Amino acid sequence: MRVGIVGAGNIGRVHARTVLACERTTLAGLYDIDADRAREAAGELGVPAFASLEELCAAAEGVVVASPNRTHAAHALAVLDHGRHVLCEKPMAVSLAEAAAMRERAAASPVTAGVGFNYRYLPVVRAVRERVDDGRLGRVLHADLAFKRASALTRRHFTWRDGAAERSTSGALGDLGVHLLDLLHFLFRSPVDTGACQVALRTKVGTKGGRPVEVDDHAFVSGRLHTGPHFTLTASKASTPDDVGLSLTLTGTRGELAYHSRDGSLLLERTGVDWEPVKLLGPARLDDPPGEVPGWADSFLDQLLDWTSAARGGTGGTLAGFEDGRLAQQVLEDLLGRAGRAS
């Protein structure tokens, strides 16, 4: 399948390199509103840089939307209007209204529309879901999920991600926490009961380049699913280096699971007295960047394979659809609203 990329920034280049590494896909080219950046990235990858989204769609069968969050809806809708399959990076939009419009347009189209919740494909998530589904933990009572980075400390320049206009999607909750919200939905097949949630948002790094940061860089949510466990969720961009990573802890009536990405490819499982290590990964197909969760690069590859399979009439397996994206957007919007009312 010929795949084009909208957006020549960091995540767009990750998708482009994944397409090049996949035996089922070829990279048709890139488009970015910044023509110079598109030409630079395209030159590095050895593919064309297109002057417009229309030209990119004409050359591709499917398009990955990896542009800034505020442009996701416009770009994804345009791709759908051109009759092309679309894989839109998370969060799929900056408002519930946009997400709903995208979901409705995709539902009326014969093409495959997916959302880039690639963390579903991490080996640890696959292993945890298997153990939730087979009942070996018994009834899961509580889940604790945390995703912590240090980007608020290391990125010292003010960017579009720090402004009030991006609060709904580029803060810690909207950018990192939305992955955790989707994982809760994916693991337990039940939406978050936002009416039962408590939310705390903080901005630990208050200024960058002399300008006030107007988005959260640390978020905590305590709540429950409609038909599942209670949970706590922490998303942070202001964590110290020794505290960064992805962690999951599940407590059930018969057993427990514990994982932290700093432990590499090991999941800990306990159904009796002692913790038993469970090996998660064999040799990686793609190399993870330094500091990333083990299996991160391969998660993009597996997501791409699912998307292209669905586009060819397959099931799509684990792929998140636009309804999954809309649900995550609704929960995110509700939680941000609750945090605003509590402040």
C-alpha atoms as a PDB file:
ATOM      1  CA  MET A   1       0.000   0.000   0.000  1.00  0.00           C
ATOM      2  CA  ARG A   2       1.286   3.462  -0.915  1.00  0.00           C
ATOM      3  CA  VAL A   3       1.284   5.616   2.224  1.00  0.00           C
ATOM      4  CA  GLY A   4       1.759   9.383   2.465  1.00  0.00           C
ATOM      5  CA  ILE A   5       2.583  11.376   5.592  1.00  0.00           C
ATOM      6  CA  VAL A   6       1.118  14.744   6.597  1.00  0.00           C
ATOM      7  CA  GLY A   7       3.572  16.446   8.934  1.00  0.00           C
ATOM      8  CA  ALA A   8       7.369  16.407   8.727  1.00  0.00           C
ATOM      9  CA  GLY A   9       8.052  16.890  12.435  1.00  0.00           C
ATOM     10  CA  ASN A  10       9.396  14.266  14.828  1.00  0.00           C
ATOM     11  CA  ILE A  11       6.354  12.003  14.922  1.00  0.00           C
ATOM     12  CA  GLY A  12       5.811  12.336  11.171  1.00  0.00           C
ATOM     13  CA  ARG A  13       9.354  11.119  10.595  1.00  0.00           C
ATOM     14  CA  VAL A  14       8.762   8.188  12.953  1.00  0.00           C
ATOM     15  CA  HIS A  15       5.770   7.153  10.854  1.00  0.00           C
ATOM     16  CA  ALA A  16       7.719   7.675   7.632  1.00  0.00           C
ATOM     17  CA  ARG A  17      10.600   5.468   8.790  1.00  0.00           C
ATOM     18  CA  THR A  18       8.088   2.835   9.906  1.00  0.00           C
ATOM     19  CA  VAL A  19       6.472   2.821   6.459  1.00  0.00           C
ATOM     20  CA  LEU A  20       9.899   2.386   4.871  1.00  0.00           C
ATOM     21  CA  ALA A  21      10.668  -0.527   7.213  1.00  0.00           C
ATOM     22  CA  CYS A  22       7.403  -2.357   6.490  1.00  0.00           C
ATOM     23  CA  GLU A  23       7.390  -4.913   3.684  1.00  0.00           C
ATOM     24  CA  ARG A  24       3.696  -4.252   2.970  1.00  0.00           C
ATOM     25  CA  THR A  25       4.032  -0.513   2.370  1.00  0.00           C
ATOM     26  CA  THR A  26       5.898   2.039   0.281  1.00  0.00           C
ATOM     27  CA  LEU A  27       6.340   5.683   1.226  1.00  0.00           C
ATOM     28  CA  ALA A  28       4.624   7.878  -1.361  1.00  0.00           C
ATOM     29  CA  GLY A  29       5.986  11.120   0.095  1.00  0.00           C
ATOM     30  CA  LEU A  30       5.403  13.888   2.636  1.00  0.00           C
ATOM     31  CA  TYR A  31       3.439  17.094   2.912  1.00  0.00           C
ATOM     32  CA  ASP A  32       3.924  19.819   5.508  1.00  0.00           C
ATOM     33  CA  ILE A  33       2.647  23.378   5.625  1.00  0.00           C
ATOM     34  CA  ASP A  34       6.309  24.304   6.136  1.00  0.00           C
ATOM     35  CA  ALA A  35       7.612  23.507   2.652  1.00  0.00           C
ATOM     36  CA  ASP A  36      11.264  23.766   3.661  1.00  0.00           C
ATOM     37  CA  ARG A  37      10.824  21.281   6.463  1.00  0.00           C
ATOM     38  CA  ALA A  38       8.968  18.912   4.126  1.00  0.00           C
ATOM     39  CA  ARG A  39      11.761  19.095   1.544  1.00  0.00           C
ATOM     40  CA  GLU A  40      14.423  18.507   4.196  1.00  0.00           C
ATOM     41  CA  ALA A  41      12.676  15.445   5.622  1.00  0.00           C
ATOM     42  CA  ALA A  42      11.774  14.076   2.197  1.00  0.00           C
ATOM     43  CA  GLY A  43      15.374  14.475   1.067  1.00  0.00           C
ATOM     44  CA  GLU A  44      16.626  12.524   4.067  1.00  0.00           C
ATOM     45  CA  LEU A  45      14.125   9.753   3.351  1.00  0.00           C
ATOM     46  CA  GLY A  46      14.576   9.721  -0.416  1.00  0.00           C
ATOM     47  CA  VAL A  47      10.932  10.439  -1.276  1.00  0.00           C
ATOM     48  CA  PRO A  48       9.020  13.361  -2.837  1.00  0.00           C
ATOM     49  CA  ALA A  49       7.844  16.417  -0.914  1.00  0.00           C
ATOM     50  CA  PHE A  50       4.403  17.496  -2.106  1.00  0.00           C
ATOM     51  CA  ALA A  51       3.235  21.093  -2.326  1.00  0.00           C
ATOM     52  CA  SER A  52      -0.313  20.321  -1.202  1.00  0.00           C
ATOM     53  CA  LEU A  53      -2.375  17.735   0.602  1.00  0.00           C
ATOM     54  CA  GLU A  54      -4.310  17.164  -2.628  1.00  0.00           C
ATOM     55  CA  GLU A  55      -1.120  16.153  -4.437  1.00  0.00           C
ATOM     56  CA  LEU A  56      -0.170  13.821  -1.609  1.00  0.00           C
ATOM     57  CA  CYS A  57      -3.598  12.144  -1.688  1.00  0.00           C
ATOM     58  CA  ALA A  58      -3.335  11.687  -5.444  1.00  0.00           C
ATOM     59  CA  ALA A  59      -0.086   9.763  -4.961  1.00  0.00           C
ATOM     60  CA  ALA A  60      -1.157   7.639  -1.976  1.00  0.00           C
ATOM     61  CA  GLU A  61      -3.755   5.048  -1.069  1.00  0.00           C
ATOM     62  CA  GLY A  62      -3.552   5.849   2.624  1.00  0.00           C
ATOM     63  CA  VAL A  63      -2.402   8.886   4.578  1.00  0.00           C
ATOM     64  CA  VAL A  64      -0.981   9.219   8.100  1.00  0.00           C
ATOM     65  CA  VAL A  65      -1.935  12.538   9.714  1.00  0.00           C
ATOM     66  CA  ALA A  66       0.941  13.515  11.987  1.00  0.00           C
ATOM     67  CA  SER A  67       0.580  17.295  11.885  1.00  0.00           C
ATOM     68  CA  PRO A  68       0.039  19.524  14.977  1.00  0.00           C
ATOM     69  CA  ASN A  69      -3.019  18.611  17.046  1.00  0.00           C
ATOM     70  CA  ARG A  70      -5.061  21.647  16.008  1.00  0.00           C
ATOM     71  CA  THR A  71      -4.858  20.561  12.340  1.00  0.00           C
ATOM     72  CA  HIS A  72      -5.783  16.893  12.797  1.00  0.00           C
ATOM     73  CA  ALA A  73      -9.483  17.322  12.079  1.00  0.00           C
ATOM     74  CA  ALA A  74      -9.058  19.428   8.946  1.00  0.00           C
ATOM     75  CA  HIS A  75      -6.395  17.158   7.493  1.00  0.00           C
ATOM     76  CA  ALA A  76      -8.177  13.894   8.346  1.00  0.00           C
ATOM     77  CA  LEU A  77     -11.489  15.128   6.929  1.00  0.00           C
ATOM     78  CA  ALA A  78      -9.743  16.221   3.730  1.00  0.00           C
ATOM     79  CA  VAL A  79      -8.126  12.791   3.386  1.00  0.00           C
ATOM     80  CA  LEU A  80     -11.511  11.132   3.842  1.00  0.00           C
ATOM     81  CA  ASP A  81     -13.021  13.461   1.242  1.00  0.00           C
ATOM     82  CA  HIS A  82     -10.361  12.240  -1.209  1.00  0.00           C
ATOM     83  CA  GLY A  83     -11.422   8.650  -0.524  1.00  0.00           C
ATOM     84  CA  ARG A  84      -8.140   7.642   1.094  1.00  0.00           C
ATOM     85  CA  HIS A  85      -7.570   5.488   4.154  1.00  0.00           C
ATOM     86  CA  VAL A  86      -6.456   7.570   7.128  1.00  0.00           C
ATOM     87  CA  LEU A  87      -4.449   6.946  10.285  1.00  0.00           C
ATOM     88  CA  CYS A  88      -4.670  10.040  12.494  1.00  0.00           C
ATOM     89  CA  GLU A  89      -2.247  10.628  15.328  1.00  0.00           C
ATOM     90  CA  LYS A  90      -3.635  10.998  18.819  1.00  0.00           C
ATOM     91  CA  PRO A  91      -5.419  12.939  20.128  1.00  0.00           C
ATOM     92  CA  MET A  92      -7.565  12.809  17.025  1.00  0.00           C
ATOM     93  CA  ALA A  93      -8.885  16.361  17.534  1.00  0.00           C
ATOM     94  CA  VAL A  94      -8.845  19.318  19.907  1.00  0.00           C
ATOM     95  CA  SER A  95     -12.534  19.141  20.820  1.00  0.00           C
ATOM     96  CA  LEU A  96     -15.313  16.624  21.162  1.00  0.00           C
ATOM     97  CA  ALA A  97     -17.240  18.383  18.378  1.00  0.00           C
ATOM     98  CA  GLU A  98     -14.345  17.872  15.960  1.00  0.00           C
ATOM     99  CA  ALA A  99     -13.914  14.245  17.002  1.00  0.00           C
ATOM    100  CA  ALA A 100     -17.626  13.554  16.551  1.00  0.00           C
ATOM    101  CA  ALA A 101     -17.602  15.093  13.073  1.00  0.00           C
ATOM    102  CA  MET A 102     -14.600  12.957  12.123  1.00  0.00           C
ATOM    103  CA  ARG A 103     -16.257   9.814  13.446  1.00  0.00           C
ATOM    104  CA  GLU A 104     -19.459  10.532  11.500  1.00  0.00           C
ATOM    105  CA  ARG A 105     -17.590  11.249   8.260  1.00  0.00           C
ATOM    106  CA  ALA A 106     -15.518   8.083   8.621  1.00  0.00           C
ATOM    107  CA  ALA A 107     -18.610   5.976   9.361  1.00  0.00           C
ATOM    108  CA  ALA A 108     -20.140   7.142   6.077  1.00  0.00           C
ATOM    109  CA  SER A 109     -16.980   6.303   4.118  1.00  0.00           C
ATOM    110  CA  PRO A 110     -15.835   2.896   2.793  1.00  0.00           C
ATOM    111  CA  VAL A 111     -12.214   3.570   3.823  1.00  0.00           C
ATOM    112  CA  THR A 112     -10.414   2.531   7.014  1.00  0.00           C
ATOM    113  CA  ALA A 113      -9.951   5.257   9.631  1.00  0.00           C
ATOM    114  CA  GLY A 114      -7.674   4.617  12.596  1.00  0.00           C
ATOM    115  CA  VAL A 115      -6.271   6.607  15.521  1.00  0.00           C
ATOM    116  CA  GLY A 116      -2.621   6.380  16.570  1.00  0.00           C
ATOM    117  CA  PHE A 117      -3.002   4.788  19.978  1.00  0.00           C
ATOM    118  CA  ASN A 118       0.146   2.750  19.388  1.00  0.00           C
ATOM    119  CA  TYR A 119       0.624   1.907  23.073  1.00  0.00           C
ATOM    120  CA  ARG A 120      -2.047  -0.761  22.604  1.00  0.00           C
ATOM    121  CA  TYR A 121       0.627  -2.701  20.718  1.00  0.00           C
ATOM    122  CA  LEU A 122       3.284  -2.695  23.431  1.00  0.00           C
ATOM    123  CA  PRO A 123       4.216  -6.225  24.520  1.00  0.00           C
ATOM    124  CA  VAL A 124       3.368  -5.417  28.136  1.00  0.00           C
ATOM    125  CA  VAL A 125      -0.134  -4.273  27.168  1.00  0.00           C
ATOM    126  CA  ARG A 126      -0.703  -7.449  25.154  1.00  0.00           C
ATOM    127  CA  ALA A 127       0.425  -9.549  28.132  1.00  0.00           C
ATOM    128  CA  VAL A 128      -1.707  -7.633  30.628  1.00  0.00           C
ATOM    129  CA  ARG A 129      -4.818  -7.847  28.463  1.00  0.00           C
ATOM    130  CA  GLU A 130      -4.307 -11.603  28.039  1.00  0.00           C
ATOM    131  CA  ARG A 131      -4.163 -12.027  31.814  1.00  0.00           C
ATOM    132  CA  VAL A 132      -7.201  -9.819  32.374  1.00  0.00           C
ATOM    133  CA  ASP A 133      -9.179 -11.752  29.778  1.00  0.00           C
ATOM    134  CA  ASP A 134      -8.264 -15.259  30.945  1.00  0.00           C
ATOM    135  CA  GLY A 135      -9.283 -14.485  34.526  1.00  0.00           C
ATOM    136  CA  ARG A 136      -6.055 -15.521  36.220  1.00  0.00           C
ATOM    137  CA  LEU A 137      -6.124 -12.308  38.307  1.00  0.00           C
ATOM    138  CA  GLY A 138      -9.742 -12.902  39.264  1.00  0.00           C
ATOM    139  CA  ARG A 139     -11.864  -9.758  39.242  1.00  0.00           C
ATOM    140  CA  VAL A 140      -9.600  -6.741  38.829  1.00  0.00           C
ATOM    141  CA  LEU A 141     -10.308  -4.309  41.657  1.00  0.00           C
ATOM    142  CA  HIS A 142      -7.817  -1.544  40.967  1.00  0.00           C
ATOM    143  CA  ALA A 143      -5.489  -0.393  38.198  1.00  0.00           C
ATOM    144  CA  ASP A 144      -2.711   2.161  38.609  1.00  0.00           C
ATOM    145  CA  LEU A 145      -1.257   3.583  35.383  1.00  0.00           C
ATOM    146  CA  ALA A 146       1.481   6.198  35.101  1.00  0.00           C
ATOM    147  CA  PHE A 147       3.289   7.760  32.165  1.00  0.00           C
ATOM    148  CA  LYS A 148       6.070  10.133  33.158  1.00  0.00           C
ATOM    149  CA  ARG A 149       8.546  12.155  31.127  1.00  0.00           C
ATOM    150  CA  ALA A 150      10.968  15.011  31.792  1.00  0.00           C
ATOM    151  CA  SER A 151      10.202  17.108  28.681  1.00  0.00           C
ATOM    152  CA  ALA A 152       8.913  20.096  30.672  1.00  0.00           C
ATOM    153  CA  LEU A 153      12.321  20.247  32.327  1.00  0.00           C
ATOM    154  CA  THR A 154      14.456  19.626  29.242  1.00  0.00           C
ATOM    155  CA  ARG A 155      12.566  21.698  26.654  1.00  0.00           C
ATOM    156  CA  ARG A 156      13.386  25.224  27.730  1.00  0.00           C
ATOM    157  CA  HIS A 157      11.928  27.163  24.788  1.00  0.00           C
ATOM    158  CA  PHE A 158       8.284  28.225  24.628  1.00  0.00           C
ATOM    159  CA  THR A 159       6.454  26.489  21.758  1.00  0.00           C
ATOM    160  CA  TRP A 160       2.876  26.144  20.518  1.00  0.00           C
ATOM    161  CA  ARG A 161       2.463  23.245  22.958  1.00  0.00           C
ATOM    162  CA  ASP A 162       2.747  25.647  25.916  1.00  0.00           C
ATOM    163  CA  GLY A 163       0.001  28.115  24.914  1.00  0.00           C
ATOM    164  CA  ALA A 164      -3.554  28.256  26.221  1.00  0.00           C
ATOM    165  CA  ALA A 165      -5.001  27.403  22.800  1.00  0.00           C
ATOM    166  CA  GLU A 166      -3.456  23.927  23.085  1.00  0.00           C
ATOM    167  CA  ARG A 167      -4.511  23.232  26.671  1.00  0.00           C
ATOM    168  CA  SER A 168      -6.951  20.490  25.740  1.00  0.00           C
ATOM    169  CA  THR A 169      -4.418  18.286  23.978  1.00  0.00           C
ATOM    170  CA  SER A 170      -0.810  19.278  24.619  1.00  0.00           C
ATOM    171  CA  GLY A 171      -0.697  19.293  28.409  1.00  0.00           C
ATOM    172  CA  ALA A 172       0.338  16.219  30.341  1.00  0.00           C
ATOM    173  CA  LEU A 173      -3.217  14.914  30.516  1.00  0.00           C
ATOM    174  CA  GLY A 174      -4.075  15.584  26.871  1.00  0.00           C
ATOM    175  CA  ASP A 175      -0.779  14.427  25.400  1.00  0.00           C
ATOM    176  CA  LEU A 176       0.370  11.562  27.640  1.00  0.00           C
ATOM    177  CA  GLY A 177      -2.731  10.855  29.696  1.00  0.00           C
ATOM    178  CA  VAL A 178      -4.877  10.225  26.636  1.00  0.00           C
ATOM    179  CA  HIS A 179      -2.749   7.116  25.961  1.00  0.00           C
ATOM    180  CA  LEU A 180      -3.564   5.888  29.461  1.00  0.00           C
ATOM    181  CA  LEU A 181      -7.270   6.634  29.034  1.00  0.00           C
ATOM    182  CA  ASP A 182      -7.306   4.570  25.859  1.00  0.00           C
ATOM    183  CA  LEU A 183      -5.430   1.757  27.613  1.00  0.00           C
ATOM    184  CA  LEU A 184      -8.075   1.671  30.348  1.00  0.00           C
ATOM    185  CA  HIS A 185     -10.796   1.396  27.703  1.00  0.00           C
ATOM    186  CA  PHE A 186      -8.813  -1.206  25.753  1.00  0.00           C
ATOM    187  CA  LEU A 187      -7.835  -3.419  28.694  1.00  0.00           C
ATOM    188  CA  PHE A 188     -11.206  -3.466  30.422  1.00  0.00           C
ATOM    189  CA  ARG A 189     -13.632  -2.775  27.542  1.00  0.00           C
ATOM    190  CA  SER A 190     -15.489  -0.171  29.572  1.00  0.00           C
ATOM    191  CA  PRO A 191     -15.461   3.626  29.427  1.00  0.00           C
ATOM    192  CA  VAL A 192     -14.320   5.836  32.264  1.00  0.00           C
ATOM    193  CA  ASP A 193     -17.125   7.040  34.541  1.00  0.00           C
ATOM    194  CA  THR A 194     -16.073  10.686  34.480  1.00  0.00           C
ATOM    195  CA  GLY A 195     -18.748  11.692  36.995  1.00  0.00           C
ATOM    196  CA  ALA A 196     -16.912   9.646  39.629  1.00  0.00           C
ATOM    197  CA  CYS A 197     -13.463  11.079  38.909  1.00  0.00           C
ATOM    198  CA  GLN A 198     -11.312  13.474  40.895  1.00  0.00           C
ATOM    199  CA  VAL A 199      -8.802  15.455  38.821  1.00  0.00           C
ATOM    200  CA  ALA A 200      -5.760  17.536  39.743  1.00  0.00           C
ATOM    201  CA  LEU A 201      -3.758  19.447  37.134  1.00  0.00           C
ATOM    202  CA  ARG A 202      -0.526  21.295  37.922  1.00  0.00           C
ATOM    203  CA  THR A 203       2.010  23.375  36.037  1.00  0.00           C
ATOM    204  CA  LYS A 204       5.320  22.779  37.775  1.00  0.00           C
ATOM    205  CA  VAL A 205       7.432  24.626  35.195  1.00  0.00           C
ATOM    206  CA  GLY A 206       5.610  27.953  35.112  1.00  0.00           C
ATOM    207  CA  THR A 207       7.626  29.891  32.527  1.00  0.00           C
ATOM    208  CA  LYS A 208       9.700  29.190  29.429  1.00  0.00           C
ATOM    209  CA  GLY A 209      11.693  31.847  27.665  1.00  0.00           C
ATOM    210  CA  GLY A 210      10.117  34.485  29.886  1.00  0.00           C
ATOM    211  CA  ARG A 211       6.581  33.516  28.828  1.00  0.00           C
ATOM    212  CA  PRO A 212       3.987  31.849  31.082  1.00  0.00           C
ATOM    213  CA  VAL A 213       3.230  28.197  30.379  1.00  0.00           C
ATOM    214  CA  GLU A 214      -0.547  27.843  30.144  1.00  0.00           C
ATOM    215  CA  VAL A 215      -0.940  24.064  30.022  1.00  0.00           C
ATOM    216  CA  ASP A 216      -0.568  21.409  32.704  1.00  0.00           C
ATOM    217  CA  ASP A 217       2.665  19.453  32.928  1.00  0.00           C
ATOM    218  CA  HIS A 218       1.477  17.100  35.691  1.00  0.00           C
ATOM    219  CA  ALA A 219      -1.938  15.444  35.998  1.00  0.00           C
ATOM    220  CA  PHE A 220      -3.518  13.012  38.444  1.00  0.00           C
ATOM    221  CA  VAL A 221      -6.906  11.333  38.056  1.00  0.00           C
ATOM    222  CA  SER A 222      -8.647   9.042  40.517  1.00  0.00           C
ATOM    223  CA  GLY A 223     -11.813   7.304  39.386  1.00  0.00           C
ATOM    224  CA  ARG A 224     -13.512   4.183  38.136  1.00  0.00           C
ATOM    225  CA  LEU A 225     -14.760   2.558  34.973  1.00  0.00           C
ATOM    226  CA  HIS A 226     -18.481   2.066  34.394  1.00  0.00           C
ATOM    227  CA  THR A 227     -18.152  -1.739  34.504  1.00  0.00           C
ATOM    228  CA  GLY A 228     -14.607  -2.277  35.687  1.00  0.00           C
ATOM    229  CA  PRO A 229     -12.062  -1.472  38.356  1.00  0.00           C
ATOM    230  CA  HIS A 230     -11.271   1.716  40.155  1.00  0.00           C
ATOM    231  CA  PHE A 231      -8.116   3.356  38.887  1.00  0.00           C
ATOM    232  CA  THR A 232      -5.494   6.007  39.468  1.00  0.00           C
ATOM    233  CA  LEU A 233      -3.780   7.691  36.527  1.00  0.00           C
ATOM    234  CA  THR A 234      -0.697   9.897  36.564  1.00  0.00           C
ATOM    235  CA  ALA A 235       0.612  11.729  33.501  1.00  0.00           C
ATOM    236  CA  SER A 236       3.617  13.976  33.919  1.00  0.00           C
ATOM    237  CA  LYS A 237       6.077  15.924  31.789  1.00  0.00           C
ATOM    238  CA  ALA A 238       7.844  17.302  34.858  1.00  0.00           C
ATOM    239  CA  SER A 239       9.327  14.164  36.385  1.00  0.00           C
ATOM    240  CA  THR A 240      12.937  13.753  37.389  1.00  0.00           C
ATOM    241  CA  PRO A 241      15.060  11.414  35.225  1.00  0.00           C
ATOM    242  CA  ASP A 242      15.031   8.619  37.798  1.00  0.00           C
ATOM    243  CA  ASP A 243      11.213   8.620  37.813  1.00  0.00           C
ATOM    244  CA  VAL A 244      10.389   8.658  34.083  1.00  0.00           C
ATOM    245  CA  GLY A 245       8.785   5.777  32.231  1.00  0.00           C
ATOM    246  CA  LEU A 246       5.568   3.817  31.870  1.00  0.00           C
ATOM    247  CA  SER A 247       4.213   1.793  34.783  1.00  0.00           C
ATOM    248  CA  LEU A 248       1.146  -0.377  35.297  1.00  0.00           C
ATOM    249  CA  THR A 249      -0.026  -2.157  38.439  1.00  0.00           C
ATOM    250  CA  LEU A 250      -3.180  -4.280  38.571  1.00  0.00           C
ATOM    251  CA  THR A 251      -4.683  -5.766  41.710  1.00  0.00           C
ATOM    252  CA  GLY A 252      -7.272  -8.533  41.438  1.00  0.00           C
ATOM    253  CA  THR A 253      -9.064 -10.918  43.749  1.00  0.00           C
ATOM    254  CA  ARG A 254      -6.649 -13.727  42.821  1.00  0.00           C
ATOM    255  CA  GLY A 255      -3.433 -12.020  41.816  1.00  0.00           C
ATOM    256  CA  GLU A 256      -1.428  -8.942  40.892  1.00  0.00           C
ATOM    257  CA  LEU A 257       0.645  -7.609  38.003  1.00  0.00           C
ATOM    258  CA  ALA A 258       3.373  -4.982  38.139  1.00  0.00           C
ATOM    259  CA  TYR A 259       5.433  -3.402  35.374  1.00  0.00           C
ATOM    260  CA  HIS A 260       7.812  -0.491  34.986  1.00  0.00           C
ATOM    261  CA  SER A 261       9.569   0.278  31.722  1.00  0.00           C
ATOM    262  CA  ARG A 262      12.901   0.788  33.513  1.00  0.00           C
ATOM    263  CA  ASP A 263      12.857  -2.989  34.133  1.00  0.00           C
ATOM    264  CA  GLY A 264      13.001  -3.559  30.388  1.00  0.00           C
ATOM    265  CA  SER A 265      11.133  -6.577  29.097  1.00  0.00           C
ATOM    266  CA  LEU A 266       9.951  -8.035  32.407  1.00  0.00           C
ATOM    267  CA  LEU A 267       6.404  -8.118  33.744  1.00  0.00           C
ATOM    268  CA  LEU A 268       5.996  -9.267  37.356  1.00  0.00           C
ATOM    269  CA  GLU A 269       3.089 -11.550  38.214  1.00  0.00           C
ATOM    270  CA  ARG A 270       1.974 -12.808  41.619  1.00  0.00           C
ATOM    271  CA  THR A 271      -0.825 -15.247  42.340  1.00  0.00           C
ATOM    272  CA  GLY A 272       0.733 -16.602  45.550  1.00  0.00           C
ATOM    273  CA  VAL A 273       3.490 -15.361  47.835  1.00  0.00           C
ATOM    274  CA  ASP A 274       6.321 -14.637  45.405  1.00  0.00           C
ATOM    275  CA  TRP A 275       6.580 -12.402  42.359  1.00  0.00           C
ATOM    276  CA  GLU A 276       7.306 -14.348  39.167  1.00  0.00           C
ATOM    277  CA  PRO A 277       9.048 -12.589  36.240  1.00  0.00           C
ATOM    278  CA  VAL A 278       7.409 -12.927  32.811  1.00  0.00           C
ATOM    279  CA  LYS A 279       9.650 -12.290  29.788  1.00  0.00           C
ATOM    280  CA  LEU A 280       7.897 -10.009  27.313  1.00  0.00           C
ATOM    281  CA  LEU A 281      10.231  -9.365  24.385  1.00  0.00           C
ATOM    282  CA  GLY A 282      12.433 -11.251  22.002  1.00  0.00           C
ATOM    283  CA  PRO A 283      14.741  -9.422  19.578  1.00  0.00           C
ATOM    284  CA  ALA A 284      13.177  -6.146  18.440  1.00  0.00           C
ATOM    285  CA  ARG A 285      12.485  -5.639  14.736  1.00  0.00           C
ATOM    286  CA  LEU A 286      13.060  -1.893  15.035  1.00  0.00           C
ATOM    287  CA  ASP A 287      15.383  -0.131  17.463  1.00  0.00           C
ATOM    288  CA  ASP A 288      13.786   1.955  20.214  1.00  0.00           C
ATOM    289  CA  PRO A 289      15.142   5.475  20.733  1.00  0.00           C
ATOM    290  CA  PRO A 290      17.024   5.971  24.013  1.00  0.00           C
ATOM    291  CA  GLY A 291      14.679   6.308  26.968  1.00  0.00           C
ATOM    292  CA  GLU A 292      11.585   4.982  25.205  1.00  0.00           C
ATOM    293  CA  VAL A 293       9.342   2.204  26.495  1.00  0.00           C
ATOM    294  CA  PRO A 294      10.583  -1.209  25.291  1.00  0.00           C
ATOM    295  CA  GLY A 295       8.744  -2.134  22.099  1.00  0.00           C
ATOM    296  CA  TRP A 296       7.845   1.484  21.262  1.00  0.00           C
ATOM    297  CA  ALA A 297       9.265   1.405  17.725  1.00  0.00           C
ATOM    298  CA  ASP A 298       7.706  -1.971  16.982  1.00  0.00           C
ATOM    299  CA  SER A 299       4.332  -0.686  18.222  1.00  0.00           C
ATOM    300  CA  PHE A 300       4.231   1.707  15.252  1.00  0.00           C
ATOM    301  CA  LEU A 301       5.046  -1.150  12.904  1.00  0.00           C
ATOM    302  CA  ASP A 302       2.336  -3.415  14.325  1.00  0.00           C
ATOM    303  CA  GLN A 303      -0.158  -0.560  14.173  1.00  0.00           C
ATOM    304  CA  LEU A 304       0.748   0.092  10.536  1.00  0.00           C
ATOM    305  CA  LEU A 305       0.296  -3.595   9.723  1.00  0.00           C
ATOM    306  CA  ASP A 306      -3.142  -3.629  11.373  1.00  0.00           C
ATOM    307  CA  TRP A 307      -4.205  -0.466   9.527  1.00  0.00           C
ATOM    308  CA  THR A 308      -3.090  -1.714   6.118  1.00  0.00           C
ATOM    309  CA  SER A 309      -4.668  -5.114   6.801  1.00  0.00           C
ATOM    310  CA  ALA A 310      -8.002  -3.458   7.612  1.00  0.00           C
ATOM    311  CA  ALA A 311      -7.694  -1.332   4.479  1.00  0.00           C
ATOM    312  CA  ARG A 312      -7.341  -4.553   2.458  1.00  0.00           C
ATOM    313  CA  GLY A 313     -10.440  -6.064   4.027  1.00  0.00           C
ATOM    314  CA  GLY A 314      -8.920  -7.666   7.125  1.00  0.00           C
ATOM    315  CA  THR A 315     -10.138  -7.291  10.690  1.00  0.00           C
ATOM    316  CA  GLY A 316      -7.662  -4.660  11.841  1.00  0.00           C
ATOM    317  CA  GLY A 317      -7.127  -6.548  15.098  1.00  0.00           C
ATOM    318  CA  THR A 318      -6.024  -4.120  17.782  1.00  0.00           C
ATOM    319  CA  LEU A 319      -6.337  -0.924  15.702  1.00  0.00           C
ATOM    320  CA  ALA A 320      -8.137   1.946  17.447  1.00  0.00           C
ATOM    321  CA  GLY A 321     -10.922   3.356  15.291  1.00  0.00           C
ATOM    322  CA  PHE A 322     -12.416   6.818  15.158  1.00  0.00           C
ATOM    323  CA  GLU A 323     -15.065   5.798  17.696  1.00  0.00           C
ATOM    324  CA  ASP A 324     -12.270   4.880  20.119  1.00  0.00           C
ATOM    325  CA  GLY A 325     -10.724   8.275  19.459  1.00  0.00           C
ATOM    326  CA  ARG A 326     -14.023  10.055  20.002  1.00  0.00           C
ATOM    327  CA  LEU A 327     -14.553   8.228  23.296  1.00  0.00           C
ATOM    328  CA  ALA A 328     -11.078   9.189  24.536  1.00  0.00           C
ATOM    329  CA  GLN A 329     -11.739  12.789  23.474  1.00  0.00           C
ATOM    330  CA  GLN A 330     -15.038  12.845  25.383  1.00  0.00           C
ATOM    331  CA  VAL A 331     -13.401  11.531  28.557  1.00  0.00           C
ATOM    332  CA  LEU A 332     -10.500  13.955  28.177  1.00  0.00           C
ATOM    333  CA  GLU A 333     -12.850  16.911  27.724  1.00  0.00           C
ATOM    334  CA  ASP A 334     -14.936  15.861  30.739  1.00  0.00           C
ATOM    335  CA  LEU A 335     -11.851  15.482  32.945  1.00  0.00           C
ATOM    336  CA  LEU A 336     -10.436  18.854  31.897  1.00  0.00           C
ATOM    337  CA  GLY A 337     -13.802  20.383  32.713  1.00  0.00           C
ATOM    338  CA  ARG A 338     -13.856  18.792  36.148  1.00  0.00           C
ATOM    339  CA  ALA A 339     -10.344  20.058  36.825  1.00  0.00           C
ATOM    340  CA  GLY A 340     -11.380  23.555  35.811  1.00  0.00           C
ATOM    341  CA  ARG A 341     -14.394  23.553  38.118  1.00  0.00           C
ATOM    342  CA  ALA A 342     -12.269  22.307  41.022  1.00  0.00           C
ATOM    343  CA  SER A 343      -9.583  24.955  40.636  1.00  0.00           C
END
